Amino acid sequence: MWRKGWYGPAIASWVQAVDHLYLIVAADYYANQTATVDALLEAWGRRSGKRLLRYEWLHNTTNAHASQAAHANSHRHPKLEDDVTDLADRAALSELYRGSNQQVYRLIREDARLTVLPNGPASGAYDGAFLDAVWDREGR
């Protein structure tokens, strides 16, 4: 689904294909897994009319997939800013993803069928930064 980091076209097509799409920003999930899982379960419960408690969800998913996920992500991942140090390469990389990133930010702001969990766009945290490279966010 996430072909080489171009999230915009993929998310746009999924929003068209499904009734509602929930987007979880990885940094938010890693910073607060409990709030993210709670928000996801609450949203799922509202839409399905069913209730699943966090410990049931964690038991059902963690036991089945924890070893696979741990193995899949066990190798070292350098930070992007450590990996791309040449200023011209950074500018080219930023330009390459700018349109796709802007498409995601626009969908978050304008399409009611897309909700960011756990906080949503109303928090102001999604006004155009979380997909951008750290040097673009911090002005490096």
Protein backbone atom coordinates (compact mmCIF):
# COMPACT_ATOMS: atom_id res chain seq x y z
CA MET A 1 0.00 0.00 0.00
CA TRP A 2 2.76 2.49 0.88
CA ARG A 3 4.69 2.38 -2.36
CA LYS A 4 8.08 3.92 -1.67
CA GLY A 5 6.73 6.51 0.77
CA TRP A 6 4.07 8.07 -1.48
CA TYR A 7 1.27 7.90 1.06
CA GLY A 8 -0.96 10.50 -0.61
CA PRO A 9 -2.20 8.49 -3.60
CA ALA A 10 -2.57 5.33 -1.51
CA ILE A 11 -4.58 7.02 1.24
CA ALA A 12 -6.72 8.87 -1.31
CA SER A 13 -7.61 5.61 -3.05
CA TRP A 14 -8.40 3.86 0.24
CA VAL A 15 -10.61 6.75 1.39
CA GLN A 16 -12.55 6.38 -1.87
CA ALA A 17 -12.84 2.59 -1.47
CA VAL A 18 -13.93 2.30 2.16
CA ASP A 19 -16.58 3.91 4.30
CA HIS A 20 -14.09 5.39 6.77
CA LEU A 21 -10.32 5.20 7.21
CA TYR A 22 -8.39 5.64 10.45
CA LEU A 23 -4.81 6.82 10.20
CA ILE A 24 -2.37 6.14 13.02
CA VAL A 25 0.87 8.09 12.90
CA ALA A 26 3.69 5.77 13.94
CA ALA A 27 5.32 8.39 16.20
CA ASP A 28 2.03 8.86 18.07
CA TYR A 29 1.62 5.11 18.48
CA TYR A 30 5.15 4.65 19.81
CA ALA A 31 4.78 7.65 22.14
CA ASN A 32 1.47 6.47 23.62
CA GLN A 33 0.38 2.99 22.62
CA THR A 34 -2.36 2.80 25.24
CA ALA A 35 -4.14 5.98 24.10
CA THR A 36 -3.79 4.97 20.46
CA VAL A 37 -5.18 1.47 20.99
CA ASP A 38 -7.99 2.85 23.18
CA ALA A 39 -8.93 5.39 20.48
CA LEU A 40 -8.88 2.69 17.80
CA LEU A 41 -11.04 0.33 19.87
CA GLU A 42 -13.47 3.13 20.68
CA ALA A 43 -13.78 4.08 17.00
CA TRP A 44 -14.19 0.44 16.02
CA GLY A 45 -16.86 0.01 18.70
CA ARG A 46 -18.81 3.07 17.50
CA ARG A 47 -18.81 1.81 13.92
CA SER A 48 -19.45 -1.87 14.63
CA GLY A 49 -21.73 -1.62 17.65
CA LYS A 50 -19.45 -4.08 19.45
CA ARG A 51 -17.11 -3.57 22.35
CA LEU A 52 -13.66 -5.07 22.62
CA LEU A 53 -11.59 -4.36 25.69
CA ARG A 54 -7.96 -3.39 25.33
CA TYR A 55 -6.64 -6.46 27.13
CA GLU A 56 -8.66 -8.74 24.79
CA TRP A 57 -7.32 -6.93 21.74
CA LEU A 58 -3.77 -6.98 23.04
CA HIS A 59 -4.04 -10.68 23.95
CA ASN A 60 -5.45 -11.62 20.55
CA THR A 61 -2.97 -9.60 18.50
CA THR A 62 0.17 -9.62 20.60
CA ASN A 63 0.38 -13.35 21.11
CA ALA A 64 -0.20 -14.10 17.44
CA HIS A 65 2.11 -11.51 15.90
CA ALA A 66 4.64 -10.32 18.46
CA SER A 67 7.45 -12.63 17.44
CA GLN A 68 6.94 -11.89 13.74
CA ALA A 69 6.92 -8.12 14.32
CA ALA A 70 9.93 -8.22 16.60
CA HIS A 71 11.90 -10.23 14.06
CA ALA A 72 10.83 -8.06 11.12
CA ASN A 73 12.01 -4.88 12.85
CA SER A 74 15.07 -6.24 14.64
CA HIS A 75 17.67 -4.82 12.27
CA ARG A 76 19.12 -1.32 12.67
CA HIS A 77 17.29 1.56 11.00
CA PRO A 78 19.45 4.69 10.74
CA LYS A 79 17.74 8.02 11.25
CA LEU A 80 16.98 9.71 7.95
CA GLU A 81 19.03 12.77 8.87
CA ASP A 82 22.04 10.52 9.57
CA ASP A 83 21.57 8.61 6.34
CA VAL A 84 21.03 11.61 4.02
CA THR A 85 23.64 14.24 4.84
CA ASP A 86 24.25 15.93 1.48
CA LEU A 87 22.20 19.15 1.27
CA ALA A 88 21.39 18.67 -2.42
CA ASP A 89 20.17 15.13 -1.72
CA ARG A 90 18.03 16.39 1.15
CA ALA A 91 16.45 19.05 -1.06
CA ALA A 92 15.78 16.52 -3.83
CA LEU A 93 14.25 14.04 -1.37
CA SER A 94 12.03 16.72 0.14
CA GLU A 95 10.85 17.79 -3.30
CA LEU A 96 10.19 14.18 -4.32
CA TYR A 97 7.72 13.61 -1.46
CA ARG A 98 6.28 17.13 -1.08
CA GLY A 99 3.22 16.62 -3.32
CA SER A 100 2.29 13.30 -1.74
CA ASN A 101 2.74 14.67 1.77
CA GLN A 102 0.62 17.73 0.98
CA GLN A 103 -2.09 15.44 -0.39
CA VAL A 104 -2.18 13.56 2.93
CA TYR A 105 -2.35 16.78 4.95
CA ARG A 106 -5.16 18.08 2.71
CA LEU A 107 -7.13 14.83 3.11
CA ILE A 108 -6.75 15.02 6.89
CA ARG A 109 -8.05 18.59 6.95
CA GLU A 110 -10.84 18.25 4.38
CA ASP A 111 -12.13 14.66 4.15
CA ALA A 112 -14.47 13.61 6.96
CA ARG A 113 -13.97 9.95 5.99
CA LEU A 114 -10.36 10.10 7.26
CA THR A 115 -9.66 10.31 10.99
CA VAL A 116 -6.25 10.50 12.64
CA LEU A 117 -6.03 8.50 15.87
CA PRO A 118 -5.61 9.00 18.74
CA ASN A 119 -5.92 12.81 18.62
CA GLY A 120 -7.36 13.71 15.23
CA PRO A 121 -6.68 16.83 13.19
CA ALA A 122 -8.38 19.06 15.75
CA SER A 123 -5.30 18.72 17.94
CA GLY A 124 -3.34 20.83 15.46
CA ALA A 125 -0.57 18.26 15.35
CA TYR A 126 -1.35 17.35 11.76
CA ASP A 127 -1.14 20.68 9.99
CA GLY A 128 1.69 19.58 7.76
CA ALA A 129 4.70 18.09 9.44
CA PHE A 130 4.58 14.46 10.50
CA LEU A 131 5.50 13.07 7.07
CA ASP A 132 8.09 15.72 6.28
CA ALA A 133 11.78 15.02 6.77
CA VAL A 134 13.24 16.24 10.05
CA TRP A 135 15.34 18.86 8.25
CA ASP A 136 12.16 20.34 6.74
CA ARG A 137 10.33 20.34 10.09
CA GLU A 138 13.25 21.88 11.94
CA GLY A 139 14.50 24.17 9.18
CA ARG A 140 17.87 22.46 8.78
